[in-house]
Protein backbone atom coordinates (compact mmCIF):
# COMPACT_ATOMS: atom_id res chain seq x y z
CA MET A 1 186.02 69.41 89.01
CA THR A 2 183.67 72.25 88.17
CA ARG A 3 180.90 73.70 90.27
CA SER A 4 177.40 72.25 89.90
CA LEU A 5 175.17 73.95 87.32
CA LYS A 6 172.34 73.76 89.82
CA LYS A 7 174.28 75.98 92.24
CA GLY A 8 175.55 78.43 89.63
CA PRO A 9 178.84 80.38 89.70
CA PHE A 10 180.19 81.70 92.99
CA ILE A 11 180.13 85.48 93.15
CA ASP A 12 181.01 87.31 96.34
CA GLU A 13 178.03 89.45 97.39
CA ASN A 14 180.25 92.12 98.95
CA LEU A 15 182.20 92.42 95.72
CA LEU A 16 179.01 92.98 93.73
CA LYS A 17 177.92 95.67 96.20
CA LYS A 18 181.24 97.49 95.78
CA ILE A 19 180.95 97.69 91.98
CA GLN A 20 177.20 98.41 91.95
CA GLY A 21 177.49 102.17 92.47
CA THR A 22 180.74 102.83 90.60
CA LYS A 23 181.62 103.28 86.94
CA PRO A 24 183.95 100.96 85.01
CA LEU A 25 187.52 102.19 84.48
CA GLY A 26 187.41 104.18 87.70
CA LYS A 27 190.58 105.63 89.15
CA ALA A 28 190.98 103.41 92.21
CA PRO A 29 190.90 99.61 91.95
CA VAL A 30 188.32 97.70 93.97
CA ASN A 31 190.39 95.76 96.51
CA THR A 32 189.25 92.24 97.30
CA TRP A 33 190.47 89.17 99.11
CA SER A 34 187.96 86.98 97.26
CA ARG A 35 190.20 85.14 94.80
CA ARG A 36 187.53 82.45 94.37
CA ALA A 37 184.90 84.83 92.96
CA THR A 38 183.91 84.11 89.35
CA ILE A 39 184.17 87.01 86.89
CA THR A 40 180.75 87.99 85.51
CA PRO A 41 179.84 90.25 82.57
CA GLU A 42 178.95 93.05 85.04
CA MET A 43 182.61 93.18 86.12
CA VAL A 44 184.03 93.91 82.64
CA GLY A 45 185.94 97.18 82.59
CA PHE A 46 186.61 97.33 86.33
CA THR A 47 190.05 97.14 87.88
CA PHE A 48 190.25 94.83 90.88
CA GLY A 49 193.06 94.70 93.39
CA VAL A 50 193.29 90.95 94.01
CA TYR A 51 195.19 89.97 97.15
CA ASN A 52 197.95 87.42 96.56
CA GLY A 53 198.93 86.95 100.21
CA LYS A 54 201.33 89.89 100.29
CA GLN A 55 199.94 92.73 98.20
CA PHE A 56 197.03 93.68 95.95
CA ILE A 57 197.74 92.93 92.28
CA PRO A 58 195.74 95.18 89.89
CA VAL A 59 193.65 93.13 87.44
CA LEU A 60 191.80 94.91 84.62
CA VAL A 61 188.85 92.69 83.69
CA ALA A 62 188.30 92.17 79.94
CA GLU A 63 185.56 90.25 78.12
CA ASP A 64 187.85 87.25 77.62
CA MET A 65 188.09 86.78 81.39
CA VAL A 66 184.36 86.14 81.98
CA GLY A 67 183.85 82.74 83.59
CA HIS A 68 187.33 82.59 85.11
CA LYS A 69 188.22 83.21 88.76
CA LEU A 70 189.86 86.44 89.98
CA GLY A 71 192.68 84.46 91.60
CA GLU A 72 193.84 83.11 88.23
CA PHE A 73 195.18 86.54 87.30
CA SER A 74 197.05 87.22 90.55
CA PRO A 75 199.93 84.76 91.01
CA THR A 76 200.77 83.89 94.61
CA THR A 77 204.33 82.73 93.98
CA LYS A 78 207.21 84.50 92.28
CA PHE A 79 209.03 82.54 89.57
CA VAL A 80 212.76 82.97 90.02
CA ARG A 81 214.22 80.83 87.22
CA HIS A 82 215.13 77.32 86.26
CA GLY A 83 218.60 76.03 85.75
CA GLY A 84 221.79 75.72 87.62
CA ARG A 85 225.32 75.91 86.34
CA MET A 86 224.30 75.55 82.67
CA GLN A 87 221.68 78.30 82.90
CA LYS A 88 224.17 80.58 84.65
CA GLU A 89 226.70 80.07 81.84
CA ILE A 90 224.07 80.83 79.19
CA GLU A 91 223.04 84.03 80.96
CA GLN A 92 226.66 85.15 81.41
CA GLY A 93 227.29 84.54 77.71
CA ALA A 94 224.21 86.55 76.78
CA THR A 95 225.20 89.50 78.97
CA ALA A 96 228.77 89.43 77.64
CA ALA A 97 227.48 89.51 74.06
CA ALA A 98 225.06 92.34 74.85
CA ALA A 99 227.67 94.46 76.64
CA PRO A 100 229.06 97.29 74.48
CA GLY A 101 232.72 96.88 73.58
CA ALA A 102 232.81 93.26 74.59
CA VAL A 103 235.01 91.13 72.40
CA SER A 104 233.99 87.52 71.99
CA ALA A 105 234.92 84.76 69.60
CA PRO A 106 232.41 84.34 66.76
CA ALA A 107 230.39 81.16 67.15
CA SER A 108 229.02 79.25 64.23
CA ALA A 109 225.25 78.80 64.06
CA GLY A 110 225.28 75.01 64.51
CA ALA A 111 228.12 74.67 67.04
CA LYS A 112 227.47 73.85 70.68
CA ALA A 113 229.48 75.20 73.58
CA VAL A 114 232.05 72.69 74.81
CA LYS A 115 232.56 72.34 78.55
CA PRO A 116 236.17 72.26 79.75
CA GLU A 117 237.15 68.89 81.18
CA LYS A 118 238.13 68.61 84.80
CA PRO A 119 241.65 67.28 85.44
CA SER A 120 241.45 63.82 86.94
CA ALA A 121 243.26 63.32 90.21
CA LYS A 122 245.23 60.03 90.33
């Protein structure tokens, strides 16, 4: 749900005060904890250090970002990877193929990798 047009976009007053006296593309980023602040046209060109709960992530504001929130550009969680055994096998195959001097059997373009069957215990 979006914010009411009657209220207008939320902009942190302290954040506006910080960028009021400085030039865009300054050396040091403007650090902020206000992830909910909406990016306005006055903020274009500034670098903000947006806090993600652990550190300040530098975000260079471009014209395309106007109307979005600062927190959208500073992820709070780190994506590790999907998969399990199958993903591990794919990654090992890719590293073996990329390693210099590695000898591997040529695979045809349409063939799938066949998993070895487990011996059944009877």
